[in-house]
Every structure is written in structure tokens, then in C-alpha cells.
N, C-alpha and C. Protein backbone atom coordinates (compact mmCIF):
# COMPACT_ATOMS: atom_id res chain seq x y z
N MET A 1 -27.20 80.16 112.18
CA MET A 1 -27.19 81.85 112.98
C MET A 1 -26.22 82.38 113.39
N LYS A 2 -26.02 83.44 114.22
CA LYS A 2 -25.31 83.78 115.33
C LYS A 2 -25.69 84.39 116.16
N LYS A 3 -24.36 84.04 117.33
CA LYS A 3 -24.37 84.93 118.58
C LYS A 3 -23.75 85.72 118.73
N ILE A 4 -23.85 86.91 119.47
CA ILE A 4 -23.07 87.94 119.26
C ILE A 4 -23.36 88.42 120.62
N GLU A 5 -21.82 88.66 121.07
CA GLU A 5 -21.80 88.62 122.43
C GLU A 5 -21.35 90.21 122.77
N ALA A 6 -21.35 91.29 123.11
CA ALA A 6 -20.67 92.75 123.12
C ALA A 6 -20.44 92.90 124.59
N ILE A 7 -19.28 93.67 125.02
CA ILE A 7 -18.58 94.26 126.08
C ILE A 7 -18.58 95.44 125.73
N ILE A 8 -19.52 96.02 126.61
CA ILE A 8 -19.24 97.83 126.57
C ILE A 8 -19.54 98.69 127.92
N GLN A 9 -18.97 99.81 127.48
CA GLN A 9 -19.30 100.57 128.81
C GLN A 9 -20.78 100.47 129.43
N PRO A 10 -21.07 100.67 130.42
CA PRO A 10 -21.94 100.55 131.08
C PRO A 10 -23.09 101.82 130.99
N PHE A 11 -22.56 103.36 130.24
CA PHE A 11 -23.10 104.18 130.26
C PHE A 11 -23.64 104.29 128.83
N LYS A 12 -23.77 103.40 127.91
CA LYS A 12 -23.60 103.53 126.45
C LYS A 12 -24.87 102.39 126.18
N LEU A 13 -25.36 101.98 127.06
CA LEU A 13 -25.99 100.75 127.15
C LEU A 13 -28.07 100.84 126.43
N GLU A 14 -27.70 102.46 127.31
CA GLU A 14 -29.31 102.71 126.66
C GLU A 14 -29.03 102.94 125.18
N GLU A 15 -27.71 103.73 124.48
CA GLU A 15 -27.97 104.54 123.43
C GLU A 15 -27.68 102.78 122.14
N VAL A 16 -27.37 101.45 122.57
CA VAL A 16 -27.11 100.10 121.85
C VAL A 16 -28.34 99.85 121.85
N LYS A 17 -29.56 100.03 122.72
CA LYS A 17 -30.54 99.28 122.79
C LYS A 17 -31.33 99.90 121.81
N GLU A 18 -31.69 101.11 121.54
CA GLU A 18 -32.18 101.83 120.94
C GLU A 18 -31.93 101.85 119.41
N ALA A 19 -30.55 101.65 119.67
CA ALA A 19 -30.08 101.60 117.71
C ALA A 19 -30.65 100.06 117.33
N LEU A 20 -30.29 98.82 118.93
CA LEU A 20 -31.07 97.75 118.27
C LEU A 20 -32.78 97.89 117.64
N LYS A 21 -33.44 98.37 118.44
CA LYS A 21 -34.44 98.39 118.56
C LYS A 21 -35.04 98.97 117.06
N ALA A 22 -34.02 100.11 116.36
CA ALA A 22 -34.39 100.73 115.59
C ALA A 22 -34.50 100.10 114.49
N ILE A 23 -33.35 98.80 114.02
CA ILE A 23 -33.49 97.89 113.04
C ILE A 23 -34.35 96.70 113.75
N GLY A 24 -35.16 96.50 114.21
CA GLY A 24 -36.19 95.89 114.90
C GLY A 24 -35.39 94.11 115.03
N ILE A 25 -34.54 94.93 116.25
CA ILE A 25 -33.59 93.85 117.13
C ILE A 25 -34.21 94.04 118.59
N ASP A 26 -35.26 92.78 119.01
CA ASP A 26 -35.63 93.38 120.19
C ASP A 26 -35.26 92.23 121.76
N GLY A 27 -34.78 90.94 120.91
CA GLY A 27 -34.70 90.20 122.06
C GLY A 27 -32.65 89.96 122.32
N MET A 28 -32.66 90.05 123.59
CA MET A 28 -31.04 90.36 124.30
C MET A 28 -30.81 89.80 125.17
N THR A 29 -29.97 89.61 126.27
CA THR A 29 -29.90 89.49 127.59
C THR A 29 -28.53 90.38 127.80
N VAL A 30 -29.05 91.08 128.97
CA VAL A 30 -28.15 92.18 129.38
C VAL A 30 -27.42 91.92 130.47
N ILE A 31 -26.23 91.96 131.01
CA ILE A 31 -25.42 91.45 132.42
C ILE A 31 -24.81 92.15 132.44
N GLU A 32 -24.42 92.20 133.85
CA GLU A 32 -23.48 93.36 134.53
C GLU A 32 -22.15 93.08 134.93
N VAL A 33 -20.82 93.12 134.49
CA VAL A 33 -20.04 92.22 134.63
C VAL A 33 -18.72 93.25 134.63
N ARG A 34 -17.67 92.58 135.14
CA ARG A 34 -16.68 93.26 135.55
C ARG A 34 -15.08 92.84 135.16
N GLY A 35 -14.37 93.33 134.51
CA GLY A 35 -13.17 93.09 133.78
C GLY A 35 -12.65 94.28 133.35
N HIS A 36 -11.14 93.81 132.55
CA HIS A 36 -10.52 94.64 131.88
C HIS A 36 -9.84 94.17 130.42
N GLY A 37 -9.24 94.89 129.76
CA GLY A 37 -8.63 94.83 128.97
C GLY A 37 -7.27 95.12 128.79
N ARG A 38 -6.83 95.89 127.88
CA ARG A 38 -5.38 96.46 127.39
C ARG A 38 -5.35 97.82 128.82
N GLN A 39 -6.08 98.07 128.77
CA GLN A 39 -5.68 99.41 130.02
C GLN A 39 -5.45 98.80 131.28
N LYS A 40 -5.92 97.34 132.05
CA LYS A 40 -5.09 97.40 132.68
C LYS A 40 -5.59 98.00 133.91
N GLY A 41 -7.16 98.51 133.77
CA GLY A 41 -7.85 99.60 135.07
C GLY A 41 -7.11 100.65 135.40
N HIS A 42 -7.65 101.58 136.21
CA HIS A 42 -7.20 102.65 136.91
C HIS A 42 -6.39 103.35 137.74
N LYS A 43 -5.96 103.85 138.37
CA LYS A 43 -5.35 104.14 139.94
C LYS A 43 -6.36 105.29 140.51
N GLU A 44 -6.94 105.12 141.51
CA GLU A 44 -7.78 106.29 141.72
C GLU A 44 -7.16 106.46 143.66
N VAL A 45 -7.37 107.64 144.65
CA VAL A 45 -7.20 108.07 145.49
C VAL A 45 -8.50 108.24 146.45
N TYR A 46 -8.23 107.43 147.13
CA TYR A 46 -8.79 107.54 148.37
C TYR A 46 -8.68 107.65 149.83
N ARG A 47 -8.90 108.67 150.52
CA ARG A 47 -8.50 109.06 152.05
C ARG A 47 -6.84 109.41 151.74
N GLY A 48 -6.64 109.99 150.52
CA GLY A 48 -5.02 110.28 150.59
C GLY A 48 -4.27 109.43 150.03
N GLN A 49 -5.07 107.80 150.14
CA GLN A 49 -4.30 106.76 149.77
C GLN A 49 -4.40 106.24 148.21
N GLU A 50 -3.35 106.07 147.43
CA GLU A 50 -3.74 105.83 145.91
C GLU A 50 -4.36 104.06 145.67
N TYR A 51 -4.53 103.72 145.05
CA TYR A 51 -4.99 102.35 144.60
C TYR A 51 -5.24 101.52 143.26
N GLN A 52 -5.12 100.88 142.59
CA GLN A 52 -5.56 100.52 141.64
C GLN A 52 -6.56 99.51 141.48
N VAL A 53 -7.54 99.90 140.32
CA VAL A 53 -9.27 99.79 140.50
C VAL A 53 -8.38 98.42 138.85
N ASP A 54 -8.47 97.09 138.99
CA ASP A 54 -8.21 96.70 137.86
C ASP A 54 -9.57 96.25 137.47
N LEU A 55 -10.49 95.90 137.81
CA LEU A 55 -11.64 95.57 137.54
C LEU A 55 -12.98 96.48 137.09
N LEU A 56 -13.07 96.68 135.99
CA LEU A 56 -14.00 97.65 136.25
C LEU A 56 -15.24 97.62 135.46
N PRO A 57 -16.31 97.98 135.49
CA PRO A 57 -17.29 98.08 135.42
C PRO A 57 -17.87 98.18 133.92
N LYS A 58 -18.61 97.15 133.36
CA LYS A 58 -19.19 96.73 131.72
C LYS A 58 -20.44 96.12 131.60
N VAL A 59 -21.08 96.40 130.70
CA VAL A 59 -22.21 95.57 130.38
C VAL A 59 -21.95 94.48 129.37
N LYS A 60 -21.96 93.47 129.33
CA LYS A 60 -21.94 92.21 127.85
C LYS A 60 -23.47 92.22 127.73
N ILE A 61 -23.44 92.21 126.40
CA ILE A 61 -25.08 91.89 125.75
C ILE A 61 -24.78 90.76 124.92
N GLU A 62 -26.14 89.80 124.77
CA GLU A 62 -25.96 88.78 124.41
C GLU A 62 -27.20 88.76 123.35
N MET A 63 -27.39 87.88 122.23
CA MET A 63 -28.14 88.09 120.85
C MET A 63 -27.67 86.81 120.23
N VAL A 64 -28.88 86.36 119.93
CA VAL A 64 -28.88 85.31 118.50
C VAL A 64 -29.55 85.80 117.43
N VAL A 65 -28.80 85.96 116.51
CA VAL A 65 -29.55 86.45 114.97
C VAL A 65 -29.34 85.75 114.12
N PRO A 66 -30.43 85.72 113.42
CA PRO A 66 -30.13 84.88 111.74
C PRO A 66 -29.01 85.48 111.05
N ASP A 67 -28.45 84.50 110.33
CA ASP A 67 -27.16 85.01 109.28
C ASP A 67 -26.81 86.03 108.86
N ALA A 68 -28.14 86.80 107.95
CA ALA A 68 -28.33 87.24 106.99
C ALA A 68 -28.27 88.85 107.90
N ARG A 69 -28.87 88.62 108.81
CA ARG A 69 -28.77 90.14 110.12
C ARG A 69 -27.70 89.89 110.42
N ALA A 70 -26.92 89.51 110.80
CA ALA A 70 -25.93 89.30 111.36
C ALA A 70 -24.99 90.61 111.43
N GLU A 71 -24.51 91.10 110.46
CA GLU A 71 -23.47 92.22 109.66
C GLU A 71 -24.13 93.77 110.10
N GLU A 72 -25.46 93.56 110.22
CA GLU A 72 -26.30 94.70 110.26
C GLU A 72 -26.31 94.92 111.79
N VAL A 73 -26.62 94.19 112.52
CA VAL A 73 -26.85 94.14 113.99
C VAL A 73 -25.41 94.35 114.07
N ILE A 74 -24.64 93.79 114.10
CA ILE A 74 -22.95 94.23 114.42
C ILE A 74 -22.76 95.64 114.59
N SER A 75 -23.20 95.84 113.04
CA SER A 75 -22.72 97.55 112.60
C SER A 75 -23.15 98.44 113.68
N ALA A 76 -24.54 98.51 113.72
CA ALA A 76 -25.25 99.26 114.92
C ALA A 76 -24.66 98.98 115.76
N LEU A 77 -24.67 98.22 116.89
CA LEU A 77 -24.32 97.76 117.69
C LEU A 77 -22.22 99.02 117.92
N ALA A 78 -21.79 98.53 116.70
CA ALA A 78 -20.47 99.07 117.11
C ALA A 78 -20.59 100.36 116.78
N THR A 79 -21.38 100.85 115.80
CA THR A 79 -21.34 102.47 115.77
C THR A 79 -22.59 103.31 117.58
N ALA A 80 -23.28 102.31 118.17
CA ALA A 80 -23.64 103.53 119.47
C ALA A 80 -22.81 102.81 120.05
N ALA A 81 -22.20 102.35 120.30
CA ALA A 81 -21.28 101.72 121.89
C ALA A 81 -19.95 102.31 121.67
N ARG A 82 -19.73 103.22 120.02
CA ARG A 82 -18.55 103.52 120.09
C ARG A 82 -18.12 105.18 120.50
N THR A 83 -16.81 105.35 121.49
CA THR A 83 -16.74 106.50 122.12
C THR A 83 -15.54 107.26 121.77
N GLY A 84 -14.48 106.07 120.20
CA GLY A 84 -13.17 106.10 120.20
C GLY A 84 -11.97 106.63 121.62
N LYS A 85 -12.84 106.15 122.60
CA LYS A 85 -11.88 106.33 123.71
C LYS A 85 -11.31 104.73 123.86
N ILE A 86 -10.47 104.28 124.95
CA ILE A 86 -9.78 103.18 125.09
C ILE A 86 -10.78 102.40 126.14
N GLY A 87 -11.26 101.06 126.13
CA GLY A 87 -12.12 101.05 126.71
C GLY A 87 -13.51 100.64 126.35
N ASP A 88 -13.53 101.03 124.97
CA ASP A 88 -14.86 100.78 124.20
C ASP A 88 -15.40 99.47 124.23
N GLY A 89 -14.26 98.36 124.31
CA GLY A 89 -15.39 96.72 124.30
C GLY A 89 -15.04 96.46 123.06
N LYS A 90 -15.88 95.19 123.23
CA LYS A 90 -15.32 94.13 122.37
C LYS A 90 -16.63 93.45 121.67
N ILE A 91 -16.71 93.06 120.06
CA ILE A 91 -18.18 92.39 119.93
C ILE A 91 -17.10 91.16 119.88
N PHE A 92 -17.57 89.84 119.83
CA PHE A 92 -17.14 88.31 120.01
C PHE A 92 -18.32 88.28 119.30
N VAL A 93 -18.35 87.08 117.64
CA VAL A 93 -19.65 86.62 117.24
C VAL A 93 -19.66 85.15 116.99
N SER A 94 -19.79 84.18 117.39
CA SER A 94 -19.72 82.72 117.01
C SER A 94 -20.80 81.93 116.36
N GLU A 95 -20.77 80.72 115.97
CA GLU A 95 -21.71 80.05 114.92
C GLU A 95 -22.73 79.11 116.19
N ILE A 96 -23.81 79.05 115.83
CA ILE A 96 -25.46 78.82 116.93
C ILE A 96 -25.30 77.81 115.84
N SER A 97 -25.59 76.22 116.35
CA SER A 97 -26.14 75.02 115.48
C SER A 97 -27.56 75.12 115.63
N ASP A 98 -27.87 75.72 116.78
CA ASP A 98 -29.46 75.23 116.75
C ASP A 98 -29.92 76.33 117.49
N ALA A 99 -31.23 76.07 117.33
CA ALA A 99 -32.15 76.80 118.58
C ALA A 99 -33.28 76.44 118.76
N ILE A 100 -33.87 76.16 120.28
CA ILE A 100 -35.52 75.39 120.65
C ILE A 100 -36.17 76.28 121.44
N ARG A 101 -37.37 76.68 120.82
CA ARG A 101 -38.38 77.54 121.79
C ARG A 101 -38.91 76.57 122.95
N ILE A 102 -38.63 76.91 124.06
CA ILE A 102 -38.77 75.58 125.19
C ILE A 102 -41.00 75.67 125.03
N ARG A 103 -41.04 77.01 125.30
CA ARG A 103 -42.87 76.70 124.84
C ARG A 103 -43.06 75.99 124.04
N ASN A 104 -43.02 75.91 122.50
CA ASN A 104 -43.79 75.10 122.25
C ASN A 104 -42.73 74.11 120.89
N ASP A 105 -41.64 74.03 121.08
CA ASP A 105 -40.54 73.57 120.53
C ASP A 105 -40.44 73.72 118.80
N GLU A 106 -40.02 74.88 118.76
CA GLU A 106 -40.31 75.51 117.73
C GLU A 106 -38.44 75.37 117.46
N ARG A 107 -37.74 75.00 116.29
CA ARG A 107 -36.68 75.19 116.30
C ARG A 107 -36.21 75.95 115.22
N GLY A 108 -34.88 75.82 115.41
CA GLY A 108 -33.90 76.95 114.57
C GLY A 108 -34.15 78.34 113.81
N GLU A 109 -33.95 78.83 113.41
CA GLU A 109 -34.30 80.74 113.24
C GLU A 109 -35.86 80.95 113.41
N SER A 110 -36.91 80.26 113.65
CA SER A 110 -38.15 80.23 114.08
C SER A 110 -38.51 80.38 115.21
N ALA A 111 -36.85 79.88 115.78
CA ALA A 111 -37.31 79.83 117.48
C ALA A 111 -36.60 81.26 118.29
N LEU A 112 -36.22 82.03 117.23
CA LEU A 112 -35.44 83.34 117.53
C LEU A 112 -36.68 84.22 117.66
């Protein structure tokens, strides 16, 4: 099993959810986060004063999928989240050794 974590632009969330739903991925966790990458934020002017906004709003999506579906999910997610501009985000993939459904103790991929 693979854990896929994606940091994306907030306005792309609905597009990403629809793309994942279209390929049959229902389970995910969505978290509102703040951060920056290479762009290091941006400057804004408020009441004539310029200030640095260095932590930008982002959305983090987490899901665990079977190994066989990982590349399909990554591709759908990346395509839906892409604008082609700086700040589109990142996708991180890691191994999951086990998953347990609390309700009935199912283990492994059947717990997903």
C-alpha cells in the first residue's frame, strides 16, 4: 500500500476531488494548511505599508491506496491540480506496512 500526500492550491480542491472520484477513489483526508516552497510567499500592500506574506494557504490531501492503483491516482491528482505556475504544490508517496479498520479489525488492503 502507498500513502499519497499532496499539497495543492485551495482553488484546485474541487477539481482534484472530482478527478479522484472519476477513477473510483473515495477515501481521503483534506486539511487546510499554510506554507511555502521556493516562491517564499509574496509581498502585499495594506494601507500603504508593504509587508511579506510568507505562509500561503494550501490544502493537504492524504490517502492510502493499493500499490496497483498508486500511479493512476498520482497521475489523476497531478493533472487535476496543475496550473503550470509556481506554487502548484507537491505530491509525496510513502510505503504503508499495514492498515486496520477499527470497526471490524480488517487488515491490509481490505481495510481501505
